[in-house]
């Protein structure tokens, strides 16, 4: 009897705890639902009041690109401007909007920068929505849990964008997948994205799992089993979240085979995912003569890429030092390393200063060309013998394609897009070289420089012919074919 009474008392206690918790949970869910409905109605009303009519009295479709760093001058920005140019040609009556955090410049200056850097001019005006909270997506704000911090920050930035302009079609062109459900479910938009690289990948998980030190996995963590396990759990949880927000997209375009494989693994959306190679200004480089090498005095090795940590510019400097150590003083005088790239912010500028210090400490002469105009970039490539690219698992590599189109002999990292899509045999012939360490990069550079001129010419010709599949024209055709789904 005592046991029964005890059990009844326990049941009453559990009931007294469970029922209030259940009521609180239902109440919170209802309140959240009401709040979301109110926000949706408010945004719908805001959109209705801002509808613009075309000359024939029909409502104009608003197409918005989310690109907070549209003035950065990198490969991702080239995709943005080529995508806008393509859509303007086909859908002339639509209004085009770019959400950007580049509030220190005017819209006219941004467009002039696109013309100067990429030789791209748009047919019609673009409306720029300047965002105030771009600092919320900068990595410096999150020394720990950077991926999660930046992603949550992008939601706040996306909300600012949505409240300033509610589009009909929303395209994330810079990799902020956490904004997709915001625009789809609250904004009522058709949403698409162009993925340059996944925010997290199975490769990143393997780096932590295997205790390997990288720029995004410090030695403190890689050498500590407990910290590595905790970071791995954090990565798996974030990968699940990333997979959910990505699966909200109505259309997914990716830039390479490597990115395609990772996105399918994470987002599980194969039915509306396609590879659209990024546009490379191949045609602009074809007027560079391949015979000019005979007139060169010495050899320059040129690297093209934004000054970001993942580009691994220190590897280039150290590999070049090894190369110089293998050469006589006279041969050393005929070699020079030129690092060409863009700086997005103060952090990138500090990174350039650190690279200058590294080259000085190692006694390696390096020439830096930061944020240079397109004409100067073209001249650098026309005078170069080797195009150097050292990023591990580069998602694609527009700079790699530009080097090949310009007639340099490419030497890229043996991974990612360069390995799977770009530096591959063309009609069974060699198009470039791959390496994966300081020694192998140095050896490959030495091998290229020792090749007879006719052999280098043959490789350069093969490379130039192989990159026609990455032209602006191919991109426009494939991009329009993919985005047709959003406009129906």
Protein backbone atom coordinates (compact mmCIF):
# COMPACT_ATOMS: atom_id res chain seq x y z
CA UNK A 1 0.00 0.00 0.00
CA UNK A 2 2.82 2.35 0.87
CA UNK A 3 4.38 1.63 -2.52
CA UNK A 4 1.16 2.48 -4.33
CA UNK A 5 0.82 5.73 -2.39
CA UNK A 6 4.40 6.59 -3.19
CA UNK A 7 3.83 5.92 -6.90
CA UNK A 8 0.66 8.03 -6.91
CA UNK A 9 2.54 10.86 -5.26
CA UNK A 10 5.27 10.63 -7.86
CA UNK A 11 2.71 10.71 -10.67
CA UNK A 12 1.03 13.78 -9.19
CA UNK A 13 4.41 15.48 -8.92
CA UNK A 14 5.31 14.68 -12.52
CA UNK A 15 1.87 15.82 -13.71
CA UNK A 16 2.18 19.06 -11.80
CA UNK A 17 5.50 19.71 -13.51
CA UNK A 18 4.62 18.45 -16.98
CA UNK A 19 1.28 20.22 -17.54
CA UNK A 20 2.60 23.77 -16.84
CA UNK A 21 5.64 23.07 -19.05
CA UNK A 22 3.36 21.80 -21.83
CA UNK A 23 1.10 24.85 -21.55
CA UNK A 24 4.13 27.16 -21.59
CA UNK A 25 5.51 25.39 -24.66
CA UNK A 26 2.19 25.63 -26.54
CA UNK A 27 1.82 29.28 -25.56
CA UNK A 28 5.35 30.12 -26.73
CA UNK A 29 4.75 28.32 -30.04
CA UNK A 30 1.48 30.18 -30.60
CA UNK A 31 3.06 33.53 -29.76
CA UNK A 32 5.96 32.80 -32.12
CA UNK A 33 3.52 31.81 -34.86
CA UNK A 34 1.49 34.99 -34.33
CA UNK A 35 4.66 37.08 -34.40
CA UNK A 36 5.84 35.45 -37.65
CA UNK A 37 2.40 35.96 -39.23
CA UNK A 38 2.42 39.62 -38.23
CA UNK A 39 5.91 40.09 -39.67
CA UNK A 40 4.89 38.35 -42.89
CA UNK A 41 1.81 40.55 -43.24
CA UNK A 42 3.84 43.69 -42.51
CA UNK A 43 6.45 42.77 -45.11
CA UNK A 44 3.76 41.89 -47.66
CA UNK A 45 2.13 45.28 -47.11
CA UNK A 46 5.52 46.98 -47.44
CA UNK A 47 6.13 45.16 -50.70
CA UNK A 48 2.68 46.07 -52.03
CA UNK A 49 3.20 49.77 -51.30
CA UNK A 50 6.54 49.82 -53.13
CA UNK A 51 5.43 48.14 -56.36
CA UNK A 52 6.66 49.98 -59.45
CA UNK A 53 4.78 49.99 -62.74
CA UNK A 54 6.39 49.74 -66.16
CA UNK A 55 5.44 51.94 -69.12
CA UNK A 56 2.65 49.51 -70.09
CA UNK A 57 1.11 49.64 -66.61
CA UNK A 58 2.27 46.20 -65.49
CA UNK A 59 4.02 45.66 -62.15
CA UNK A 60 7.77 45.37 -62.56
CA UNK A 61 9.48 42.33 -61.13
CA UNK A 62 12.18 43.21 -58.58
CA UNK A 63 15.28 41.01 -58.74
CA UNK A 64 17.71 41.44 -55.84
CA UNK A 65 21.25 40.17 -55.35
CA UNK A 66 22.67 39.88 -51.84
CA UNK A 67 26.34 40.78 -52.19
CA UNK A 68 27.62 42.79 -49.18
CA UNK A 69 31.12 43.16 -50.68
CA UNK A 70 30.19 43.95 -54.28
CA UNK A 71 33.07 46.45 -54.60
CA UNK A 72 35.76 43.94 -53.57
CA UNK A 73 37.02 43.19 -57.08
CA UNK A 74 37.36 39.41 -56.78
CA UNK A 75 36.08 36.48 -58.79
CA UNK A 76 32.79 36.45 -56.90
CA UNK A 77 32.16 40.03 -57.95
CA UNK A 78 32.78 39.13 -61.58
CA UNK A 79 30.03 36.53 -61.30
CA UNK A 80 27.69 39.20 -59.89
CA UNK A 81 28.22 41.70 -62.70
CA UNK A 82 28.07 39.08 -65.46
CA UNK A 83 24.88 37.66 -63.94
CA UNK A 84 23.28 41.12 -63.86
CA UNK A 85 24.36 41.80 -67.42
CA UNK A 86 22.85 38.51 -68.61
CA UNK A 87 19.53 39.03 -66.81
CA UNK A 88 19.22 42.62 -68.06
CA UNK A 89 19.56 41.39 -71.63
CA UNK A 90 16.73 38.87 -71.27
CA UNK A 91 14.42 40.53 -68.72
CA UNK A 92 14.59 44.18 -69.69
CA UNK A 93 11.50 45.27 -67.76
CA UNK A 94 12.66 44.04 -64.36
CA UNK A 95 14.14 46.24 -61.65
CA UNK A 96 17.56 45.11 -60.43
CA UNK A 97 18.77 45.66 -56.88
CA UNK A 98 22.10 44.93 -55.18
CA UNK A 99 22.27 44.80 -51.39
CA UNK A 100 25.76 46.00 -50.43
CA UNK A 101 27.65 47.15 -47.37
CA UNK A 102 30.04 49.32 -49.40
CA UNK A 103 28.55 52.53 -48.01
CA UNK A 104 31.85 54.43 -48.30
CA UNK A 105 31.44 54.65 -52.08
CA UNK A 106 28.61 55.65 -54.40
CA UNK A 107 26.73 53.39 -56.78
CA UNK A 108 28.40 55.14 -59.70
CA UNK A 109 31.84 54.43 -58.24
CA UNK A 110 30.94 50.74 -57.78
CA UNK A 111 29.88 50.44 -61.41
CA UNK A 112 32.99 52.28 -62.59
CA UNK A 113 35.06 49.85 -60.54
CA UNK A 114 33.37 46.92 -62.25
CA UNK A 115 34.18 48.46 -65.62
CA UNK A 116 37.79 49.17 -64.71
CA UNK A 117 38.51 45.80 -63.07
CA UNK A 118 36.41 43.44 -65.18
CA UNK A 119 35.68 45.38 -68.36
CA UNK A 120 31.94 44.87 -67.72
CA UNK A 121 29.30 47.51 -68.47
CA UNK A 122 25.63 47.03 -67.60
CA UNK A 123 22.90 47.92 -70.10
CA UNK A 124 20.52 49.48 -67.57
CA UNK A 125 20.74 51.16 -64.15
CA UNK A 126 21.04 49.15 -60.95
CA UNK A 127 19.61 50.24 -57.62
CA UNK A 128 22.02 49.86 -54.71
CA UNK A 129 20.62 49.28 -51.22
CA UNK A 130 23.36 50.31 -48.79
CA UNK A 131 23.39 48.25 -45.58
CA UNK A 132 24.60 49.63 -42.26
CA UNK A 133 25.33 46.40 -40.40
CA UNK A 134 27.88 44.69 -42.65
CA UNK A 135 30.33 44.53 -39.77
CA UNK A 136 28.17 41.74 -38.32
CA UNK A 137 29.43 39.32 -40.99
CA UNK A 138 33.13 40.12 -40.61
CA UNK A 139 35.24 37.37 -39.09
CA UNK A 140 37.18 39.75 -36.82
CA UNK A 141 34.02 40.13 -34.73
CA UNK A 142 34.01 36.43 -33.88
CA UNK A 143 37.43 35.16 -32.71
CA UNK A 144 35.65 31.97 -31.59
CA UNK A 145 32.72 30.14 -33.21
CA UNK A 146 33.39 32.22 -36.31
CA UNK A 147 31.15 30.25 -38.69
CA UNK A 148 28.15 30.45 -36.38
CA UNK A 149 28.77 34.10 -35.51
CA UNK A 150 29.03 35.20 -39.13
CA UNK A 151 25.96 33.16 -40.09
CA UNK A 152 23.82 34.65 -37.32
CA UNK A 153 25.18 38.08 -38.27
CA UNK A 154 24.10 37.48 -41.87
CA UNK A 155 20.53 36.91 -40.66
CA UNK A 156 20.51 40.36 -39.04
CA UNK A 157 22.07 41.88 -42.17
CA UNK A 158 19.54 40.03 -44.31
CA UNK A 159 16.69 41.39 -42.19
CA UNK A 160 17.99 44.92 -42.74
CA UNK A 161 18.06 44.25 -46.47
CA UNK A 162 14.56 42.78 -46.50
CA UNK A 163 13.05 45.69 -44.60
CA UNK A 164 14.65 48.19 -46.98
CA UNK A 165 13.52 46.45 -50.16
CA UNK A 166 11.25 43.40 -50.59
CA UNK A 167 12.05 41.75 -53.94
CA UNK A 168 10.14 39.20 -56.00
CA UNK A 169 13.28 37.18 -56.70
CA UNK A 170 16.17 36.96 -54.26
CA UNK A 171 19.59 35.60 -55.22
CA UNK A 172 22.36 35.16 -52.69
CA UNK A 173 25.51 35.51 -54.76
CA UNK A 174 28.06 35.56 -51.95
CA UNK A 175 27.44 32.50 -49.82
CA UNK A 176 25.16 33.75 -47.02
CA UNK A 177 22.83 30.74 -47.02
CA UNK A 178 21.27 31.65 -43.67
CA UNK A 179 19.45 34.53 -45.41
CA UNK A 180 17.57 32.14 -47.73
CA UNK A 181 14.77 31.05 -45.34
CA UNK A 182 14.39 34.68 -44.23
CA UNK A 183 13.57 35.90 -47.74
CA UNK A 184 11.58 32.79 -48.66
CA UNK A 185 9.32 32.43 -45.64
CA UNK A 186 9.07 36.01 -44.38
CA UNK A 187 9.66 37.86 -47.63
CA UNK A 188 7.57 35.50 -49.76
CA UNK A 189 10.27 35.58 -52.45
CA UNK A 190 11.45 33.03 -54.95
CA UNK A 191 14.98 32.36 -53.74
CA UNK A 192 18.09 31.12 -55.47
CA UNK A 193 21.79 31.13 -54.77
CA UNK A 194 25.13 30.91 -56.51
CA UNK A 195 27.51 28.98 -54.26
CA UNK A 196 31.20 29.72 -54.69
CA UNK A 197 32.16 27.42 -51.83
CA UNK A 198 30.28 25.79 -48.96
CA UNK A 199 30.48 27.57 -45.61
CA UNK A 200 31.42 24.21 -44.12
CA UNK A 201 32.51 21.06 -45.92
CA UNK A 202 33.37 17.47 -45.23
CA UNK A 203 37.00 18.43 -45.85
CA UNK A 204 36.83 20.85 -42.94
CA UNK A 205 35.38 18.10 -40.76
CA UNK A 206 38.20 15.76 -41.76
CA UNK A 207 40.84 18.38 -40.90
CA UNK A 208 39.51 18.58 -37.34
CA UNK A 209 38.92 14.82 -37.10
CA UNK A 210 42.49 14.07 -38.22
CA UNK A 211 44.02 16.72 -35.90
CA UNK A 212 45.61 18.64 -38.76
CA UNK A 213 46.62 22.28 -38.27
CA UNK A 214 45.25 24.69 -40.91
CA UNK A 215 44.43 28.40 -41.10
CA UNK A 216 40.94 27.54 -39.76
CA UNK A 217 42.13 24.91 -37.25
CA UNK A 218 44.85 26.24 -34.96
CA UNK A 219 47.61 24.07 -33.54
CA UNK A 220 46.19 24.63 -30.04
CA UNK A 221 43.04 22.76 -31.05
CA UNK A 222 44.62 20.19 -33.37
CA UNK A 223 47.06 19.13 -30.64
CA UNK A 224 44.35 18.77 -27.96
CA UNK A 225 42.05 15.70 -28.26
CA UNK A 226 39.35 17.21 -26.01
CA UNK A 227 39.21 20.53 -27.88
CA UNK A 228 39.27 18.69 -31.20
CA UNK A 229 36.30 16.54 -30.14
CA UNK A 230 34.33 19.59 -28.99
CA UNK A 231 35.08 21.44 -32.22
CA UNK A 232 34.04 18.38 -34.24
CA UNK A 233 30.68 18.29 -32.43
CA UNK A 234 30.26 22.01 -33.10
CA UNK A 235 31.08 21.47 -36.80
CA UNK A 236 28.58 18.62 -37.13
CA UNK A 237 25.81 20.69 -35.53
CA UNK A 238 26.63 23.66 -37.75
CA UNK A 239 26.72 21.41 -40.84
CA UNK A 240 23.21 20.21 -40.01
CA UNK A 241 21.95 23.80 -39.67
CA UNK A 242 23.72 24.79 -42.89
CA UNK A 243 22.13 21.87 -44.68
CA UNK A 244 18.66 22.92 -43.57
CA UNK A 245 18.93 26.59 -44.59
CA UNK A 246 20.49 25.63 -47.91
CA UNK A 247 17.69 23.19 -48.69
CA UNK A 248 15.24 26.14 -48.54
CA UNK A 249 16.55 27.41 -51.87
CA UNK A 250 14.35 26.99 -54.94
CA UNK A 251 17.42 27.01 -57.17
CA UNK A 252 21.06 26.20 -56.45
CA UNK A 253 23.92 26.99 -58.80
CA UNK A 254 27.46 25.94 -57.93
CA UNK A 255 30.72 26.92 -59.54
CA UNK A 256 32.59 23.61 -59.80
CA UNK A 257 32.53 19.85 -59.47
CA UNK A 258 34.15 20.10 -56.04
CA UNK A 259 31.50 22.50 -54.74
CA UNK A 260 28.74 20.44 -56.38
CA UNK A 261 29.78 17.29 -54.53
CA UNK A 262 29.92 19.05 -51.15
CA UNK A 263 26.62 20.88 -51.59
CA UNK A 264 24.81 17.70 -52.57
CA UNK A 265 26.24 15.98 -49.51
CA UNK A 266 25.08 18.79 -47.19
CA UNK A 267 21.92 20.22 -48.76
CA UNK A 268 20.41 17.04 -50.29
CA UNK A 269 18.86 18.96 -53.20
CA UNK A 270 20.13 17.29 -56.36
CA UNK A 271 16.88 17.90 -58.29
CA UNK A 272 17.44 21.67 -58.49
CA UNK A 273 21.23 21.95 -58.28
CA UNK A 274 23.43 22.53 -61.32
CA UNK A 275 27.03 23.44 -62.13
CA UNK A 276 27.40 26.87 -63.72
CA UNK A 277 31.08 27.59 -64.24
CA UNK A 278 31.92 31.20 -63.32
CA UNK A 279 32.58 33.68 -66.13
CA UNK A 280 36.21 34.22 -66.97
CA UNK A 281 37.16 37.01 -69.34
CA UNK A 282 38.91 34.57 -71.63
CA UNK A 283 38.43 36.64 -74.78
CA UNK A 284 40.20 39.67 -73.34
CA UNK A 285 43.42 37.72 -72.87
CA UNK A 286 43.50 36.06 -76.29
CA UNK A 287 45.21 39.04 -77.92
CA UNK A 288 48.32 38.40 -75.80
CA UNK A 289 50.91 36.89 -78.12
CA UNK A 290 52.20 33.45 -77.14
CA UNK A 291 55.44 34.15 -79.02
CA UNK A 292 56.47 37.01 -76.73
CA UNK A 293 58.52 34.72 -74.47
CA UNK A 294 61.41 34.79 -76.93
CA UNK A 295 61.79 38.53 -76.28
CA UNK A 296 61.66 38.29 -72.48
CA UNK A 297 64.63 38.90 -70.29
CA UNK A 298 64.26 36.74 -67.20
CA UNK A 299 61.12 35.12 -65.87
CA UNK A 300 58.35 36.46 -63.65
CA UNK A 301 56.07 34.28 -61.54
CA UNK A 302 52.68 35.93 -60.99
CA UNK A 303 50.04 35.08 -58.40
CA UNK A 304 46.47 36.39 -58.77
CA UNK A 305 44.08 36.24 -55.82
CA UNK A 306 42.54 38.32 -53.07
CA UNK A 307 44.72 38.70 -49.98
CA UNK A 308 42.72 36.31 -47.84
CA UNK A 309 44.23 33.71 -45.47
CA UNK A 310 42.96 30.70 -47.42
CA UNK A 311 44.88 31.79 -50.54
CA UNK A 312 48.06 30.85 -48.62
CA UNK A 313 50.38 33.52 -49.99
CA UNK A 314 53.05 32.60 -47.38
CA UNK A 315 53.39 29.23 -49.12
CA UNK A 316 54.19 31.04 -52.37
CA UNK A 317 56.91 33.12 -50.74
CA UNK A 318 58.50 30.13 -49.00
CA UNK A 319 58.37 28.00 -52.16
CA UNK A 320 59.99 30.82 -54.13
CA UNK A 321 62.76 31.01 -51.53
CA UNK A 322 63.46 27.29 -52.02
CA UNK A 323 63.59 27.86 -55.78
CA UNK A 324 66.05 30.73 -55.38
CA UNK A 325 68.28 28.60 -53.13
CA UNK A 326 68.65 26.13 -56.00
CA UNK A 327 69.80 28.83 -58.43
CA UNK A 328 73.07 30.68 -58.93
CA UNK A 329 73.23 34.44 -58.17
CA UNK A 330 72.94 35.26 -61.89
CA UNK A 331 69.91 32.99 -62.27
CA UNK A 332 68.33 34.48 -59.16
CA UNK A 333 68.58 37.95 -60.66
CA UNK A 334 66.46 36.79 -63.61
CA UNK A 335 63.58 35.60 -61.42
CA UNK A 336 60.91 37.66 -59.68
CA UNK A 337 57.71 36.87 -57.77
CA UNK A 338 54.74 39.23 -58.17
CA UNK A 339 51.68 38.98 -55.93
CA UNK A 340 48.62 40.60 -57.50
CA UNK A 341 45.40 40.84 -55.51
CA UNK A 342 42.58 42.84 -54.01
CA UNK A 343 42.10 44.04 -50.42
CA UNK A 344 38.53 44.11 -49.10
CA UNK A 345 39.18 45.74 -45.73
CA UNK A 346 41.75 46.66 -43.07
CA UNK A 347 42.33 43.01 -42.21
CA UNK A 348 43.41 42.27 -45.77
CA UNK A 349 45.67 45.32 -45.76
CA UNK A 350 47.30 44.11 -42.53
CA UNK A 351 47.74 40.72 -44.17
CA UNK A 352 49.68 42.36 -47.00
CA UNK A 353 51.94 44.05 -44.46
CA UNK A 354 52.55 40.69 -42.78
CA UNK A 355 53.46 39.17 -46.15
CA UNK A 356 55.89 42.00 -46.82
CA UNK A 357 57.48 41.37 -43.43
CA UNK A 358 57.72 37.63 -44.16
CA UNK A 359 59.42 38.23 -47.50
CA UNK A 360 61.86 40.61 -45.84
CA UNK A 361 62.62 38.19 -43.00
CA UNK A 362 63.25 35.38 -45.50
CA UNK A 363 65.29 37.62 -47.77
CA UNK A 364 62.99 36.98 -50.71
CA UNK A 365 62.33 39.85 -53.15
CA UNK A 366 58.56 40.08 -53.75
CA UNK A 367 56.64 42.71 -55.68
CA UNK A 368 53.13 43.51 -54.43
CA UNK A 369 50.40 44.94 -56.67
CA UNK A 370 47.25 45.69 -54.68
CA UNK A 371 43.88 46.66 -56.20
CA UNK A 372 45.38 47.35 -59.59
CA UNK A 373 43.25 48.19 -62.67
CA UNK A 374 42.50 45.57 -65.29
CA UNK A 375 44.98 46.89 -67.85
CA UNK A 376 47.86 46.53 -65.41
CA UNK A 377 46.72 43.03 -64.47
CA UNK A 378 46.71 42.08 -68.13
CA UNK A 379 50.20 43.49 -68.62
CA UNK A 380 51.53 41.49 -65.65
CA UNK A 381 50.12 38.29 -67.09
CA UNK A 382 51.42 39.03 -70.58
CA UNK A 383 54.95 39.30 -69.16
CA UNK A 384 54.76 36.25 -66.86
CA UNK A 385 56.13 32.80 -67.47
CA UNK A 386 54.35 31.04 -64.59
CA UNK A 387 50.94 31.67 -63.02
CA UNK A 388 51.00 30.58 -59.37
CA UNK A 389 48.02 29.53 -57.24
CA UNK A 390 48.43 27.81 -53.86
CA UNK A 391 44.99 27.69 -52.21
CA UNK A 392 44.09 24.26 -50.83
CA UNK A 393 40.69 23.12 -52.09
CA UNK A 394 40.09 26.26 -54.13
CA UNK A 395 36.41 26.03 -54.99
CA UNK A 396 37.04 27.02 -58.61
CA UNK A 397 39.83 29.45 -59.44
CA UNK A 398 39.02 32.26 -61.88
CA UNK A 399 42.59 33.49 -61.49
CA UNK A 400 43.81 30.08 -62.65
CA UNK A 401 41.71 30.32 -65.81
CA UNK A 402 42.86 33.89 -66.48
CA UNK A 403 46.48 32.81 -66.22
CA UNK A 404 45.90 29.98 -68.70
CA UNK A 405 44.01 32.23 -71.13
CA UNK A 406 46.77 34.83 -70.95
CA UNK A 407 49.36 32.26 -71.94
CA UNK A 408 51.19 31.69 -68.66
CA UNK A 409 51.99 28.16 -67.56
CA UNK A 410 49.76 27.51 -64.59
CA UNK A 411 51.02 25.91 -61.39
CA UNK A 412 48.11 25.36 -58.99
CA UNK A 413 47.33 23.40 -55.85
CA UNK A 414 46.57 19.74 -56.44
CA UNK A 415 43.02 19.92 -55.04
CA UNK A 416 39.56 21.42 -55.53
CA UNK A 417 38.49 23.11 -58.76
CA UNK A 418 41.94 23.37 -60.36
CA UNK A 419 42.43 19.62 -60.02
CA UNK A 420 38.92 18.50 -61.00
CA UNK A 421 37.82 21.09 -63.58
CA UNK A 422 40.58 23.36 -64.86
CA UNK A 423 44.14 21.98 -65.00
CA UNK A 424 43.06 18.81 -66.74
CA UNK A 425 44.32 17.32 -70.03
CA UNK A 426 42.91 18.83 -73.21
CA UNK A 427 42.57 16.32 -76.03
CA UNK A 428 45.04 14.19 -74.13
CA UNK A 429 47.65 16.97 -73.90
CA UNK A 430 49.16 18.70 -70.84
CA UNK A 431 47.65 22.07 -69.84
CA UNK A 432 49.57 22.89 -66.64
CA UNK A 433 51.01 21.58 -63.40
CA UNK A 434 49.82 20.81 -59.86
CA UNK A 435 51.64 20.70 -56.52
CA UNK A 436 50.79 20.52 -52.82
CA UNK A 437 53.77 21.62 -50.67
CA UNK A 438 56.64 24.09 -50.55
CA UNK A 439 59.07 21.56 -52.01
CA UNK A 440 56.74 20.32 -54.76
CA UNK A 441 55.83 23.87 -55.78
CA UNK A 442 59.51 24.82 -55.91
CA UNK A 443 60.36 21.68 -57.91
CA UNK A 444 57.49 22.31 -60.33
CA UNK A 445 58.63 25.91 -60.89
CA UNK A 446 62.16 24.70 -61.53
CA UNK A 447 60.87 22.07 -63.96
CA UNK A 448 58.82 24.63 -65.90
CA UNK A 449 61.73 27.05 -66.15
CA UNK A 450 64.00 24.27 -67.42
CA UNK A 451 61.63 23.22 -70.20
CA UNK A 452 62.65 24.17 -73.74
CA UNK A 453 60.71 27.10 -75.16
CA UNK A 454 58.88 25.01 -77.75
CA UNK A 455 57.59 22.67 -75.02
CA UNK A 456 56.38 25.59 -72.90
CA UNK A 457 54.69 27.04 -75.99
CA UNK A 458 52.87 23.77 -76.62
CA UNK A 459 51.55 23.64 -73.03
CA UNK A 460 50.45 27.28 -73.21
CA UNK A 461 48.58 26.65 -76.47
CA UNK A 462 46.82 23.60 -75.01
CA UNK A 463 45.83 25.57 -71.91
CA UNK A 464 44.46 28.50 -73.89
CA UNK A 465 42.34 26.25 -76.09
CA UNK A 466 40.97 24.35 -73.07
CA UNK A 467 39.54 27.37 -71.23
CA UNK A 468 36.97 28.42 -73.84
CA UNK A 469 34.38 26.49 -71.77
CA UNK A 470 34.79 29.13 -69.04
CA UNK A 471 34.00 32.15 -71.22
CA UNK A 472 31.47 34.90 -70.44
CA UNK A 473 29.23 33.59 -73.21
CA UNK A 474 29.11 30.07 -71.76
CA UNK A 475 28.33 31.47 -68.30
CA UNK A 476 25.51 33.69 -69.56
CA UNK A 477 23.85 30.82 -71.43
CA UNK A 478 24.07 28.43 -68.48
CA UNK A 479 23.09 31.06 -65.89
CA UNK A 480 19.98 32.11 -67.84
CA UNK A 481 19.01 28.48 -68.40
CA UNK A 482 19.25 27.78 -64.65
CA UNK A 483 17.48 30.96 -63.43
CA UNK A 484 14.61 30.51 -65.88
CA UNK A 485 12.96 28.52 -63.06
CA UNK A 486 12.84 31.61 -60.83
CA UNK A 487 11.17 33.81 -63.45
CA UNK A 488 8.37 31.42 -64.40
